[in-house]
Amino acid sequence: MSKDNEIVNDIINGLSQRLNMRVYDRYPTVKAATQYPLIIVTRQNASDITPYIRHLDVAITVVTREPTDNALSAEIGDALTDWYNQSLWDIMGAPLLNTTDAQPIKDGRTSTVYDYQLEYLS
């Protein structure tokens, strides 16, 4: 497993512990409305900036059955900061929120994607 994927898995574990809910690495099969909100963490891309520093974009997708939940958004940001503060990875600064994109889904759900970037020593 690549270091990028190890970091993403570590983020998933950190968020699930802090938020006290299941966090997925891909969109799950939904069997009951009680599964919402869905939180999915995926690696967007990674690239070498220098021979020693790696840039990693991570998307945190939140799917809810109601409009965008600002309280959950703040909780995710706090949980990611907590993860960073406790992380043993050589990450250079807290993950930076690049963009937020909220889109309604045709069945009434809302999907919000938070694009975070981080740099780490490879």
PDB file of N, CA and C in Angstrom:
ATOM      1  N   MET A   1       0.844  -1.167   0.000  1.00  0.00           N
ATOM      2  CA  MET A   1       0.000   0.000   0.000  1.00  0.00           C
ATOM      3  C   MET A   1       0.899   1.243   0.000  1.00  0.00           C
ATOM      4  N   SER A   2       0.536   2.218  -0.814  1.00  0.00           N
ATOM      5  CA  SER A   2       1.343   3.437  -0.901  1.00  0.00           C
ATOM      6  C   SER A   2       1.174   4.285   0.356  1.00  0.00           C
ATOM      7  N   LYS A   3       2.125   5.160   0.578  1.00  0.00           N
ATOM      8  CA  LYS A   3       2.060   6.045   1.732  1.00  0.00           C
ATOM      9  C   LYS A   3       0.830   6.955   1.646  1.00  0.00           C
ATOM     10  N   ASP A   4       0.480   7.387   0.418  1.00  0.00           N
ATOM     11  CA  ASP A   4      -0.719   8.213   0.232  1.00  0.00           C
ATOM     12  C   ASP A   4      -1.947   7.480   0.758  1.00  0.00           C
ATOM     13  N   ASN A   5      -2.110   6.228   0.361  1.00  0.00           N
ATOM     14  CA  ASN A   5      -3.272   5.453   0.796  1.00  0.00           C
ATOM     15  C   ASN A   5      -3.235   5.159   2.290  1.00  0.00           C
ATOM     16  N   GLU A   6      -2.048   4.977   2.842  1.00  0.00           N
ATOM     17  CA  GLU A   6      -1.938   4.778   4.290  1.00  0.00           C
ATOM     18  C   GLU A   6      -2.411   6.020   5.033  1.00  0.00           C
ATOM     19  N   ILE A   7      -2.045   7.195   4.538  1.00  0.00           N
ATOM     20  CA  ILE A   7      -2.484   8.444   5.170  1.00  0.00           C
ATOM     21  C   ILE A   7      -4.000   8.570   5.073  1.00  0.00           C
ATOM     22  N   VAL A   8      -4.579   8.266   3.902  1.00  0.00           N
ATOM     23  CA  VAL A   8      -6.039   8.338   3.738  1.00  0.00           C
ATOM     24  C   VAL A   8      -6.725   7.366   4.699  1.00  0.00           C
ATOM     25  N   ASN A   9      -6.203   6.147   4.826  1.00  0.00           N
ATOM     26  CA  ASN A   9      -6.788   5.186   5.765  1.00  0.00           C
ATOM     27  C   ASN A   9      -6.685   5.688   7.200  1.00  0.00           C
ATOM     28  N   ASP A  10      -5.589   6.334   7.530  1.00  0.00           N
ATOM     29  CA  ASP A  10      -5.412   6.896   8.861  1.00  0.00           C
ATOM     30  C   ASP A  10      -6.418   8.029   9.105  1.00  0.00           C
ATOM     31  N   ILE A  11      -6.663   8.852   8.086  1.00  0.00           N
ATOM     32  CA  ILE A  11      -7.674   9.918   8.190  1.00  0.00           C
ATOM     33  C   ILE A  11      -9.048   9.298   8.419  1.00  0.00           C
ATOM     34  N   ILE A  12      -9.382   8.249   7.676  1.00  0.00           N
ATOM     35  CA  ILE A  12     -10.677   7.573   7.841  1.00  0.00           C
ATOM     36  C   ILE A  12     -10.838   7.089   9.277  1.00  0.00           C
ATOM     37  N   ASN A  13      -9.809   6.432   9.807  1.00  0.00           N
ATOM     38  CA  ASN A  13      -9.882   5.930  11.186  1.00  0.00           C
ATOM     39  C   ASN A  13     -10.008   7.075  12.182  1.00  0.00           C
ATOM     40  N   GLY A  14      -9.237   8.149  11.988  1.00  0.00           N
ATOM     41  CA  GLY A  14      -9.295   9.290  12.891  1.00  0.00           C
ATOM     42  C   GLY A  14     -10.649   9.970  12.888  1.00  0.00           C
ATOM     43  N   LEU A  15     -11.225  10.168  11.688  1.00  0.00           N
ATOM     44  CA  LEU A  15     -12.539  10.803  11.604  1.00  0.00           C
ATOM     45  C   LEU A  15     -13.621   9.926  12.223  1.00  0.00           C
ATOM     46  N   SER A  16     -13.568   8.624  11.960  1.00  0.00           N
ATOM     47  CA  SER A  16     -14.613   7.743  12.496  1.00  0.00           C
ATOM     48  C   SER A  16     -14.575   7.705  14.019  1.00  0.00           C
ATOM     49  N   GLN A  17     -13.380   7.748  14.600  1.00  0.00           N
ATOM     50  CA  GLN A  17     -13.277   7.770  16.062  1.00  0.00           C
ATOM     51  C   GLN A  17     -13.778   9.089  16.628  1.00  0.00           C
ATOM     52  N   ARG A  18     -13.353  10.197  16.043  1.00  0.00           N
ATOM     53  CA  ARG A  18     -13.723  11.518  16.572  1.00  0.00           C
ATOM     54  C   ARG A  18     -15.199  11.823  16.366  1.00  0.00           C
ATOM     55  N   LEU A  19     -15.751  11.445  15.195  1.00  0.00           N
ATOM     56  CA  LEU A  19     -17.154  11.728  14.889  1.00  0.00           C
ATOM     57  C   LEU A  19     -18.092  10.659  15.445  1.00  0.00           C
ATOM     58  N   ASN A  20     -17.510   9.540  15.877  1.00  0.00           N
ATOM     59  CA  ASN A  20     -18.278   8.414  16.407  1.00  0.00           C
ATOM     60  C   ASN A  20     -19.324   7.930  15.393  1.00  0.00           C
ATOM     61  N   MET A  21     -18.892   7.787  14.144  1.00  0.00           N
ATOM     62  CA  MET A  21     -19.749   7.247  13.093  1.00  0.00           C
ATOM     63  C   MET A  21     -18.877   6.566  12.057  1.00  0.00           C
ATOM     64  N   ARG A  22     -19.488   5.778  11.227  1.00  0.00           N
ATOM     65  CA  ARG A  22     -18.762   5.057  10.193  1.00  0.00           C
ATOM     66  C   ARG A  22     -18.314   6.026   9.104  1.00  0.00           C
ATOM     67  N   VAL A  23     -17.071   5.900   8.695  1.00  0.00           N
ATOM     68  CA  VAL A  23     -16.516   6.683   7.589  1.00  0.00           C
ATOM     69  C   VAL A  23     -16.043   5.677   6.557  1.00  0.00           C
ATOM     70  N   TYR A  24     -16.413   5.903   5.302  1.00  0.00           N
ATOM     71  CA  TYR A  24     -16.167   4.933   4.231  1.00  0.00           C
ATOM     72  C   TYR A  24     -15.019   5.368   3.329  1.00  0.00           C
ATOM     73  N   ASP A  25     -14.430   4.396   2.637  1.00  0.00           N
ATOM     74  CA  ASP A  25     -13.392   4.709   1.653  1.00  0.00           C
ATOM     75  C   ASP A  25     -13.958   4.733   0.237  1.00  0.00           C
ATOM     76  N   ARG A  26     -15.214   4.379   0.074  1.00  0.00           N
ATOM     77  CA  ARG A  26     -15.917   4.492  -1.206  1.00  0.00           C
ATOM     78  C   ARG A  26     -17.409   4.542  -0.903  1.00  0.00           C
ATOM     79  N   TYR A  27     -18.186   4.936  -1.878  1.00  0.00           N
ATOM     80  CA  TYR A  27     -19.623   5.096  -1.667  1.00  0.00           C
ATOM     81  C   TYR A  27     -20.235   3.744  -1.295  1.00  0.00           C
ATOM     82  N   PRO A  28     -20.892   3.654  -0.135  1.00  0.00           N
ATOM     83  CA  PRO A  28     -21.432   2.365   0.314  1.00  0.00           C
ATOM     84  C   PRO A  28     -22.797   2.061  -0.295  1.00  0.00           C
ATOM     85  N   THR A  29     -23.213   0.821  -0.180  1.00  0.00           N
ATOM     86  CA  THR A  29     -24.573   0.436  -0.532  1.00  0.00           C
ATOM     87  C   THR A  29     -25.458   0.843   0.637  1.00  0.00           C
ATOM     88  N   VAL A  30     -26.446   1.685   0.368  1.00  0.00           N
ATOM     89  CA  VAL A  30     -27.313   2.190   1.425  1.00  0.00           C
ATOM     90  C   VAL A  30     -28.516   1.272   1.560  1.00  0.00           C
ATOM     91  N   LYS A  31     -28.704   0.755   2.765  1.00  0.00           N
ATOM     92  CA  LYS A  31     -29.812  -0.164   3.018  1.00  0.00           C
ATOM     93  C   LYS A  31     -30.871   0.439   3.917  1.00  0.00           C
ATOM     94  N   ALA A  32     -30.530   1.522   4.631  1.00  0.00           N
ATOM     95  CA  ALA A  32     -31.490   2.148   5.543  1.00  0.00           C
ATOM     96  C   ALA A  32     -31.178   3.635   5.681  1.00  0.00           C
ATOM     97  N   ALA A  33     -32.225   4.415   5.913  1.00  0.00           N
ATOM     98  CA  ALA A  33     -32.066   5.858   6.064  1.00  0.00           C
ATOM     99  C   ALA A  33     -31.218   6.202   7.287  1.00  0.00           C
ATOM    100  N   THR A  34     -31.104   5.280   8.229  1.00  0.00           N
ATOM    101  CA  THR A  34     -30.312   5.541   9.433  1.00  0.00           C
ATOM    102  C   THR A  34     -28.813   5.592   9.150  1.00  0.00           C
ATOM    103  N   GLN A  35     -28.393   5.173   7.950  1.00  0.00           N
ATOM    104  CA  GLN A  35     -26.978   5.241   7.584  1.00  0.00           C
ATOM    105  C   GLN A  35     -26.516   6.670   7.322  1.00  0.00           C
ATOM    106  N   TYR A  36     -27.435   7.596   7.085  1.00  0.00           N
ATOM    107  CA  TYR A  36     -27.078   8.980   6.794  1.00  0.00           C
ATOM    108  C   TYR A  36     -26.752   9.707   8.079  1.00  0.00           C
ATOM    109  N   PRO A  37     -25.839  10.651   8.046  1.00  0.00           N
ATOM    110  CA  PRO A  37     -25.083  11.098   6.885  1.00  0.00           C
ATOM    111  C   PRO A  37     -23.985  10.099   6.530  1.00  0.00           C
ATOM    112  N   LEU A  38     -23.695  10.013   5.243  1.00  0.00           N
ATOM    113  CA  LEU A  38     -22.594   9.185   4.754  1.00  0.00           C
ATOM    114  C   LEU A  38     -21.357  10.079   4.652  1.00  0.00           C
ATOM    115  N   ILE A  39     -20.241   9.601   5.137  1.00  0.00           N
ATOM    116  CA  ILE A  39     -18.976  10.334   5.013  1.00  0.00           C
ATOM    117  C   ILE A  39     -17.999   9.421   4.292  1.00  0.00           C
ATOM    118  N   ILE A  40     -17.520   9.885   3.146  1.00  0.00           N
ATOM    119  CA  ILE A  40     -16.620   9.097   2.300  1.00  0.00           C
ATOM    120  C   ILE A  40     -15.327   9.890   2.113  1.00  0.00           C
ATOM    121  N   VAL A  41     -14.189   9.265   2.399  1.00  0.00           N
ATOM    122  CA  VAL A  41     -12.884   9.919   2.241  1.00  0.00           C
ATOM    123  C   VAL A  41     -12.139   9.221   1.111  1.00  0.00           C
ATOM    124  N   THR A  42     -11.699   9.997   0.131  1.00  0.00           N
ATOM    125  CA  THR A  42     -10.967   9.422  -1.003  1.00  0.00           C
ATOM    126  C   THR A  42      -9.754  10.276  -1.333  1.00  0.00           C
ATOM    127  N   ARG A  43      -8.765   9.608  -1.868  1.00  0.00           N
ATOM    128  CA  ARG A  43      -7.559  10.279  -2.356  1.00  0.00           C
ATOM    129  C   ARG A  43      -7.865  10.812  -3.737  1.00  0.00           C
ATOM    130  N   GLN A  44      -7.675  12.108  -3.928  1.00  0.00           N
ATOM    131  CA  GLN A  44      -7.928  12.708  -5.231  1.00  0.00           C
ATOM    132  C   GLN A  44      -6.721  12.571  -6.138  1.00  0.00           C
ATOM    133  N   ASN A  45      -5.608  13.070  -5.673  1.00  0.00           N
ATOM    134  CA  ASN A  45      -4.377  12.957  -6.451  1.00  0.00           C
ATOM    135  C   ASN A  45      -3.198  13.160  -5.522  1.00  0.00           C
ATOM    136  N   ALA A  46      -2.063  12.837  -5.990  1.00  0.00           N
ATOM    137  CA  ALA A  46      -0.827  13.065  -5.243  1.00  0.00           C
ATOM    138  C   ALA A  46       0.263  13.317  -6.269  1.00  0.00           C
ATOM    139  N   SER A  47       1.171  14.193  -5.905  1.00  0.00           N
ATOM    140  CA  SER A  47       2.275  14.461  -6.825  1.00  0.00           C
ATOM    141  C   SER A  47       3.486  14.911  -6.030  1.00  0.00           C
ATOM    142  N   ASP A  48       4.636  14.720  -6.625  1.00  0.00           N
ATOM    143  CA  ASP A  48       5.866  15.175  -6.002  1.00  0.00           C
ATOM    144  C   ASP A  48       6.063  16.643  -6.324  1.00  0.00           C
ATOM    145  N   ILE A  49       6.283  17.437  -5.284  1.00  0.00           N
ATOM    146  CA  ILE A  49       6.592  18.858  -5.470  1.00  0.00           C
ATOM    147  C   ILE A  49       8.098  19.005  -5.603  1.00  0.00           C
ATOM    148  N   THR A  50       8.815  18.313  -4.749  1.00  0.00           N
ATOM    149  CA  THR A  50      10.276  18.263  -4.787  1.00  0.00           C
ATOM    150  C   THR A  50      10.628  16.787  -4.566  1.00  0.00           C
ATOM    151  N   PRO A  51      11.889  16.452  -4.595  1.00  0.00           N
ATOM    152  CA  PRO A  51      12.249  15.052  -4.316  1.00  0.00           C
ATOM    153  C   PRO A  51      11.883  14.617  -2.891  1.00  0.00           C
ATOM    154  N   TYR A  52      11.573  15.576  -2.007  1.00  0.00           N
ATOM    155  CA  TYR A  52      11.327  15.241  -0.600  1.00  0.00           C
ATOM    156  C   TYR A  52       9.910  15.511  -0.135  1.00  0.00           C
ATOM    157  N   ILE A  53       9.177  16.365  -0.865  1.00  0.00           N
ATOM    158  CA  ILE A  53       7.844  16.781  -0.426  1.00  0.00           C
ATOM    159  C   ILE A  53       6.793  16.252  -1.396  1.00  0.00           C
ATOM    160  N   ARG A  54       5.720  15.740  -0.848  1.00  0.00           N
ATOM    161  CA  ARG A  54       4.619  15.199  -1.647  1.00  0.00           C
ATOM    162  C   ARG A  54       3.347  15.972  -1.328  1.00  0.00           C
ATOM    163  N   HIS A  55       2.606  16.308  -2.363  1.00  0.00           N
ATOM    164  CA  HIS A  55       1.334  17.023  -2.246  1.00  0.00           C
ATOM    165  C   HIS A  55       0.216  15.994  -2.404  1.00  0.00           C
ATOM    166  N   LEU A  56      -0.740  16.009  -1.479  1.00  0.00           N
ATOM    167  CA  LEU A  56      -1.842  15.039  -1.499  1.00  0.00           C
ATOM    168  C   LEU A  56      -3.165  15.779  -1.347  1.00  0.00           C
ATOM    169  N   ASP A  57      -4.091  15.559  -2.284  1.00  0.00           N
ATOM    170  CA  ASP A  57      -5.451  16.096  -2.180  1.00  0.00           C
ATOM    171  C   ASP A  57      -6.366  14.978  -1.712  1.00  0.00           C
ATOM    172  N   VAL A  58      -7.182  15.300  -0.708  1.00  0.00           N
ATOM    173  CA  VAL A  58      -8.114  14.341  -0.143  1.00  0.00           C
ATOM    174  C   VAL A  58      -9.514  14.939  -0.219  1.00  0.00           C
ATOM    175  N   ALA A  59     -10.467  14.185  -0.751  1.00  0.00           N
ATOM    176  CA  ALA A  59     -11.855  14.636  -0.813  1.00  0.00           C
ATOM    177  C   ALA A  59     -12.640  13.964   0.296  1.00  0.00           C
ATOM    178  N   ILE A  60     -13.347  14.776   1.065  1.00  0.00           N
ATOM    179  CA  ILE A  60     -14.259  14.254   2.077  1.00  0.00           C
ATOM    180  C   ILE A  60     -15.660  14.586   1.585  1.00  0.00           C
ATOM    181  N   THR A  61     -16.402  13.560   1.203  1.00  0.00           N
ATOM    182  CA  THR A  61     -17.746  13.729   0.666  1.00  0.00           C
ATOM    183  C   THR A  61     -18.751  13.403   1.755  1.00  0.00           C
ATOM    184  N   VAL A  62     -19.715  14.302   1.946  1.00  0.00           N
ATOM    185  CA  VAL A  62     -20.764  14.101   2.938  1.00  0.00           C
ATOM    186  C   VAL A  62     -22.088  14.083   2.196  1.00  0.00           C
ATOM    187  N   VAL A  63     -22.823  12.982   2.324  1.00  0.00           N
ATOM    188  CA  VAL A  63     -24.136  12.858   1.697  1.00  0.00           C
ATOM    189  C   VAL A  63     -25.168  12.844   2.817  1.00  0.00           C
ATOM    190  N   THR A  64     -26.103  13.790   2.742  1.00  0.00           N
ATOM    191  CA  THR A  64     -27.155  13.895   3.757  1.00  0.00           C
ATOM    192  C   THR A  64     -28.522  13.833   3.092  1.00  0.00           C
ATOM    193  N   ARG A  65     -29.519  13.566   3.898  1.00  0.00           N
ATOM    194  CA  ARG A  65     -30.889  13.516   3.387  1.00  0.00           C
ATOM    195  C   ARG A  65     -31.557  14.877   3.477  1.00  0.00           C
ATOM    196  N   GLU A  66     -30.866  15.854   4.051  1.00  0.00           N
ATOM    197  CA  GLU A  66     -31.394  17.208   4.168  1.00  0.00           C
ATOM    198  C   GLU A  66     -30.377  18.180   3.579  1.00  0.00           C
ATOM    199  N   PRO A  67     -30.708  19.464   3.529  1.00  0.00           N
ATOM    200  CA  PRO A  67     -29.738  20.433   2.992  1.00  0.00           C
ATOM    201  C   PRO A  67     -28.415  20.390   3.750  1.00  0.00           C
ATOM    202  N   THR A  68     -27.417  21.057   3.213  1.00  0.00           N
ATOM    203  CA  THR A  68     -26.074  21.050   3.781  1.00  0.00           C
ATOM    204  C   THR A  68     -26.112  21.287   5.289  1.00  0.00           C
ATOM    205  N   ASP A  69     -25.400  20.464   6.016  1.00  0.00           N
ATOM    206  CA  ASP A  69     -25.354  20.526   7.479  1.00  0.00           C
ATOM    207  C   ASP A  69     -24.080  21.244   7.906  1.00  0.00           C
ATOM    208  N   ASN A  70     -24.208  22.535   8.273  1.00  0.00           N
ATOM    209  CA  ASN A  70     -23.033  23.325   8.647  1.00  0.00           C
ATOM    210  C   ASN A  70     -22.392  22.835   9.938  1.00  0.00           C
ATOM    211  N   ALA A  71     -23.193  22.311  10.862  1.00  0.00           N
ATOM    212  CA  ALA A  71     -22.642  21.800  12.120  1.00  0.00           C
ATOM    213  C   ALA A  71     -21.738  20.597  11.834  1.00  0.00           C
ATOM    214  N   LEU A  72     -22.174  19.704  10.949  1.00  0.00           N
ATOM    215  CA  LEU A  72     -21.368  18.543  10.595  1.00  0.00           C
ATOM    216  C   LEU A  72     -20.100  18.979   9.868  1.00  0.00           C
ATOM    217  N   SER A  73     -20.212  19.991   9.037  1.00  0.00           N
ATOM    218  CA  SER A  73     -19.043  20.521   8.333  1.00  0.00           C
ATOM    219  C   SER A  73     -17.994  21.005   9.324  1.00  0.00           C
ATOM    220  N   ALA A  74     -18.425  21.723  10.351  1.00  0.00           N
ATOM    221  CA  ALA A  74     -17.505  22.211  11.377  1.00  0.00           C
ATOM    222  C   ALA A  74     -16.907  21.050  12.165  1.00  0.00           C
ATOM    223  N   GLU A  75     -17.729  20.040  12.469  1.00  0.00           N
ATOM    224  CA  GLU A  75     -17.236  18.860  13.192  1.00  0.00           C
ATOM    225  C   GLU A  75     -16.165  18.129  12.392  1.00  0.00           C
ATOM    226  N   ILE A  76     -16.369  18.016  11.082  1.00  0.00           N
ATOM    227  CA  ILE A  76     -15.386  17.354  10.228  1.00  0.00           C
ATOM    228  C   ILE A  76     -14.079  18.146  10.225  1.00  0.00           C
ATOM    229  N   GLY A  77     -14.164  19.462  10.107  1.00  0.00           N
ATOM    230  CA  GLY A  77     -12.971  20.298  10.153  1.00  0.00           C
ATOM    231  C   GLY A  77     -12.230  20.146  11.469  1.00  0.00           C
ATOM    232  N   ASP A  78     -12.976  20.140  12.588  1.00  0.00           N
ATOM    233  CA  ASP A  78     -12.361  19.955  13.911  1.00  0.00           C
ATOM    234  C   ASP A  78     -11.738  18.570  14.034  1.00  0.00           C
ATOM    235  N   ALA A  79     -12.450  17.559  13.534  1.00  0.00           N
ATOM    236  CA  ALA A  79     -11.940  16.183  13.610  1.00  0.00           C
ATOM    237  C   ALA A  79     -10.662  16.030  12.791  1.00  0.00           C
ATOM    238  N   LEU A  80     -10.609  16.669  11.626  1.00  0.00           N
ATOM    239  CA  LEU A  80      -9.411  16.594  10.788  1.00  0.00           C
ATOM    240  C   LEU A  80      -8.237  17.318  11.461  1.00  0.00           C
ATOM    241  N   THR A  81      -8.523  18.430  12.118  1.00  0.00           N
ATOM    242  CA  THR A  81      -7.474  19.137  12.863  1.00  0.00           C
ATOM    243  C   THR A  81      -6.971  18.282  14.019  1.00  0.00           C
ATOM    244  N   ASP A  82      -7.892  17.643  14.741  1.00  0.00           N
ATOM    245  CA  ASP A  82      -7.493  16.736  15.828  1.00  0.00           C
ATOM    246  C   ASP A  82      -6.635  15.597  15.292  1.00  0.00           C
ATOM    247  N   TRP A  83      -7.049  15.035  14.139  1.00  0.00           N
ATOM    248  CA  TRP A  83      -6.277  13.947  13.529  1.00  0.00           C
ATOM    249  C   TRP A  83      -4.858  14.432  13.230  1.00  0.00           C
ATOM    250  N   TYR A  84      -4.762  15.628  12.637  1.00  0.00           N
ATOM    251  CA  TYR A  84      -3.449  16.186  12.294  1.00  0.00           C
ATOM    252  C   TYR A  84      -2.586  16.374  13.544  1.00  0.00           C
ATOM    253  N   ASN A  85      -3.182  16.922  14.600  1.00  0.00           N
ATOM    254  CA  ASN A  85      -2.430  17.189  15.828  1.00  0.00           C
ATOM    255  C   ASN A  85      -1.910  15.908  16.487  1.00  0.00           C
ATOM    256  N   GLN A  86      -2.605  14.783  16.289  1.00  0.00           N
ATOM    257  CA  GLN A  86      -2.201  13.513  16.887  1.00  0.00           C
ATOM    258  C   GLN A  86      -1.442  12.617  15.913  1.00  0.00           C
ATOM    259  N   SER A  87      -1.348  13.052  14.670  1.00  0.00           N
ATOM    260  CA  SER A  87      -0.751  12.228  13.622  1.00  0.00           C
ATOM    261  C   SER A  87       0.759  12.080  13.801  1.00  0.00           C
ATOM    262  N   LEU A  88       1.249  10.908  13.471  1.00  0.00           N
ATOM    263  CA  LEU A  88       2.688  10.651  13.495  1.00  0.00           C
ATOM    264  C   LEU A  88       3.327  10.851  12.124  1.00  0.00           C
ATOM    265  N   TRP A  89       2.503  11.191  11.108  1.00  0.00           N
ATOM    266  CA  TRP A  89       3.022  11.437   9.764  1.00  0.00           C
ATOM    267  C   TRP A  89       3.781  12.754   9.738  1.00  0.00           C
ATOM    268  N   ASP A  90       4.745  12.868   8.813  1.00  0.00           N
ATOM    269  CA  ASP A  90       5.517  14.106   8.648  1.00  0.00           C
ATOM    270  C   ASP A  90       4.761  15.078   7.749  1.00  0.00           C
ATOM    271  N   ILE A  91       3.609  15.556   8.258  1.00  0.00           N
ATOM    272  CA  ILE A  91       2.774  16.473   7.486  1.00  0.00           C
ATOM    273  C   ILE A  91       3.161  17.899   7.865  1.00  0.00           C
ATOM    274  N   MET A  92       3.333  18.721   6.838  1.00  0.00           N
ATOM    275  CA  MET A  92       3.835  20.080   7.043  1.00  0.00           C
ATOM    276  C   MET A  92       2.661  21.053   7.116  1.00  0.00           C
ATOM    277  N   GLY A  93       2.093  21.218   8.282  1.00  0.00           N
ATOM    278  CA  GLY A  93       0.958  22.118   8.475  1.00  0.00           C
ATOM    279  C   GLY A  93      -0.355  21.373   8.388  1.00  0.00           C
ATOM    280  N   ALA A  94      -1.358  21.926   9.051  1.00  0.00           N
ATOM    281  CA  ALA A  94      -2.689  21.307   9.077  1.00  0.00           C
ATOM    282  C   ALA A  94      -3.252  21.207   7.661  1.00  0.00           C
ATOM    283  N   PRO A  95      -4.059  20.189   7.402  1.00  0.00           N
ATOM    284  CA  PRO A  95      -4.703  20.081   6.083  1.00  0.00           C
ATOM    285  C   PRO A  95      -5.469  21.363   5.766  1.00  0.00           C
ATOM    286  N   LEU A  96      -5.312  21.829   4.551  1.00  0.00           N
ATOM    287  CA  LEU A  96      -5.887  23.097   4.108  1.00  0.00           C
ATOM    288  C   LEU A  96      -7.130  22.827   3.260  1.00  0.00           C
ATOM    289  N   LEU A  97      -8.244  23.459   3.619  1.00  0.00           N
ATOM    290  CA  LEU A  97      -9.472  23.307   2.837  1.00  0.00           C
ATOM    291  C   LEU A  97      -9.358  24.165   1.585  1.00  0.00           C
ATOM    292  N   ASN A  98      -9.338  23.508   0.422  1.00  0.00           N
ATOM    293  CA  ASN A  98      -9.260  24.219  -0.860  1.00  0.00           C
ATOM    294  C   ASN A  98     -10.626  24.703  -1.311  1.00  0.00           C
ATOM    295  N   THR A  99     -11.546  23.769  -1.475  1.00  0.00           N
ATOM    296  CA  THR A  99     -12.864  24.104  -2.005  1.00  0.00           C
ATOM    297  C   THR A  99     -13.939  23.292  -1.308  1.00  0.00           C
ATOM    298  N   THR A 100     -15.142  23.818  -1.373  1.00  0.00           N
ATOM    299  CA  THR A 100     -16.330  23.115  -0.900  1.00  0.00           C
ATOM    300  C   THR A 100     -17.339  23.184  -2.028  1.00  0.00           C
ATOM    301  N   ASP A 101     -17.910  22.054  -2.386  1.00  0.00           N
ATOM    302  CA  ASP A 101     -18.868  22.009  -3.480  1.00  0.00           C
ATOM    303  C   ASP A 101     -20.098  21.233  -3.027  1.00  0.00           C
ATOM    304  N   ALA A 102     -21.225  21.934  -2.842  1.00  0.00           N
ATOM    305  CA  ALA A 102     -22.476  21.293  -2.433  1.00  0.00           C
ATOM    306  C   ALA A 102     -23.399  21.190  -3.639  1.00  0.00           C
ATOM    307  N   GLN A 103     -23.889  19.987  -3.888  1.00  0.00           N
ATOM    308  CA  GLN A 103     -24.771  19.732  -5.024  1.00  0.00           C
ATOM    309  C   GLN A 103     -25.982  18.912  -4.575  1.00  0.00           C
ATOM    310  N   PRO A 104     -27.177  19.348  -4.957  1.00  0.00           N
ATOM    311  CA  PRO A 104     -28.334  18.501  -4.660  1.00  0.00           C
ATOM    312  C   PRO A 104     -28.315  17.269  -5.573  1.00  0.00           C
ATOM    313  N   ILE A 105     -28.763  16.159  -5.034  1.00  0.00           N
ATOM    314  CA  ILE A 105     -28.901  14.935  -5.826  1.00  0.00           C
ATOM    315  C   ILE A 105     -30.378  14.808  -6.161  1.00  0.00           C
ATOM    316  N   LYS A 106     -30.700  14.266  -7.309  1.00  0.00           N
ATOM    317  CA  LYS A 106     -32.077  14.300  -7.799  1.00  0.00           C
ATOM    318  C   LYS A 106     -33.105  13.652  -6.877  1.00  0.00           C
ATOM    319  N   ASP A 107     -32.686  12.777  -5.968  1.00  0.00           N
ATOM    320  CA  ASP A 107     -33.656  12.135  -5.077  1.00  0.00           C
ATOM    321  C   ASP A 107     -33.843  12.889  -3.761  1.00  0.00           C
ATOM    322  N   GLY A 108     -33.350  14.127  -3.683  1.00  0.00           N
ATOM    323  CA  GLY A 108     -33.565  14.949  -2.504  1.00  0.00           C
ATOM    324  C   GLY A 108     -32.386  14.989  -1.545  1.00  0.00           C
ATOM    325  N   ARG A 109     -31.404  14.143  -1.748  1.00  0.00           N
ATOM    326  CA  ARG A 109     -30.220  14.183  -0.893  1.00  0.00           C
ATOM    327  C   ARG A 109     -29.301  15.313  -1.343  1.00  0.00           C
ATOM    328  N   THR A 110     -28.341  15.658  -0.475  1.00  0.00           N
ATOM    329  CA  THR A 110     -27.349  16.668  -0.800  1.00  0.00           C
ATOM    330  C   THR A 110     -25.968  16.043  -0.659  1.00  0.00           C
ATOM    331  N   SER A 111     -25.114  16.287  -1.631  1.00  0.00           N
ATOM    332  CA  SER A 111     -23.736  15.803  -1.599  1.00  0.00           C
ATOM    333  C   SER A 111     -22.810  17.010  -1.521  1.00  0.00           C
ATOM    334  N   THR A 112     -21.995  17.039  -0.470  1.00  0.00           N
ATOM    335  CA  THR A 112     -21.033  18.124  -0.299  1.00  0.00           C
ATOM    336  C   THR A 112     -19.635  17.534  -0.296  1.00  0.00           C
ATOM    337  N   VAL A 113     -18.771  18.073  -1.146  1.00  0.00           N
ATOM    338  CA  VAL A 113     -17.397  17.589  -1.236  1.00  0.00           C
ATOM    339  C   VAL A 113     -16.464  18.672  -0.699  1.00  0.00           C
ATOM    340  N   TYR A 114     -15.667  18.282   0.302  1.00  0.00           N
ATOM    341  CA  TYR A 114     -14.657  19.160   0.879  1.00  0.00           C
ATOM    342  C   TYR A 114     -13.308  18.673   0.358  1.00  0.00           C
ATOM    343  N   ASP A 115     -12.613  19.542  -0.368  1.00  0.00           N
ATOM    344  CA  ASP A 115     -11.318  19.184  -0.954  1.00  0.00           C
ATOM    345  C   ASP A 115     -10.225  19.757  -0.071  1.00  0.00           C
ATOM    346  N   TYR A 116      -9.506  18.860   0.607  1.00  0.00           N
ATOM    347  CA  TYR A 116      -8.396  19.268   1.470  1.00  0.00           C
ATOM    348  C   TYR A 116      -7.073  18.914   0.797  1.00  0.00           C
ATOM    349  N   GLN A 117      -6.053  19.737   1.041  1.00  0.00           N
ATOM    350  CA  GLN A 117      -4.732  19.413   0.540  1.00  0.00           C
ATOM    351  C   GLN A 117      -3.767  19.377   1.720  1.00  0.00           C
ATOM    352  N   LEU A 118      -2.777  18.523   1.593  1.00  0.00           N
ATOM    353  CA  LEU A 118      -1.725  18.495   2.587  1.00  0.00           C
ATOM    354  C   LEU A 118      -0.407  18.150   1.911  1.00  0.00           C
ATOM    355  N   GLU A 119       0.647  18.593   2.533  1.00  0.00           N
ATOM    356  CA  GLU A 119       1.991  18.330   2.025  1.00  0.00           C
ATOM    357  C   GLU A 119       2.686  17.489   3.082  1.00  0.00           C
ATOM    358  N   TYR A 120       3.416  16.478   2.646  1.00  0.00           N
ATOM    359  CA  TYR A 120       4.150  15.686   3.633  1.00  0.00           C
ATOM    360  C   TYR A 120       5.521  15.314   3.088  1.00  0.00           C
ATOM    361  N   LEU A 121       6.406  15.026   4.023  1.00  0.00           N
ATOM    362  CA  LEU A 121       7.748  14.596   3.644  1.00  0.00           C
ATOM    363  C   LEU A 121       7.683  13.153   3.224  1.00  0.00           C
ATOM    364  N   SER A 122       8.190  12.867   2.037  1.00  0.00           N
ATOM    365  CA  SER A 122       8.103  11.492   1.528  1.00  0.00           C
ATOM    366  C   SER A 122       9.191  10.617   2.083  1.00  0.00           C
TER     367      SER A 122
END
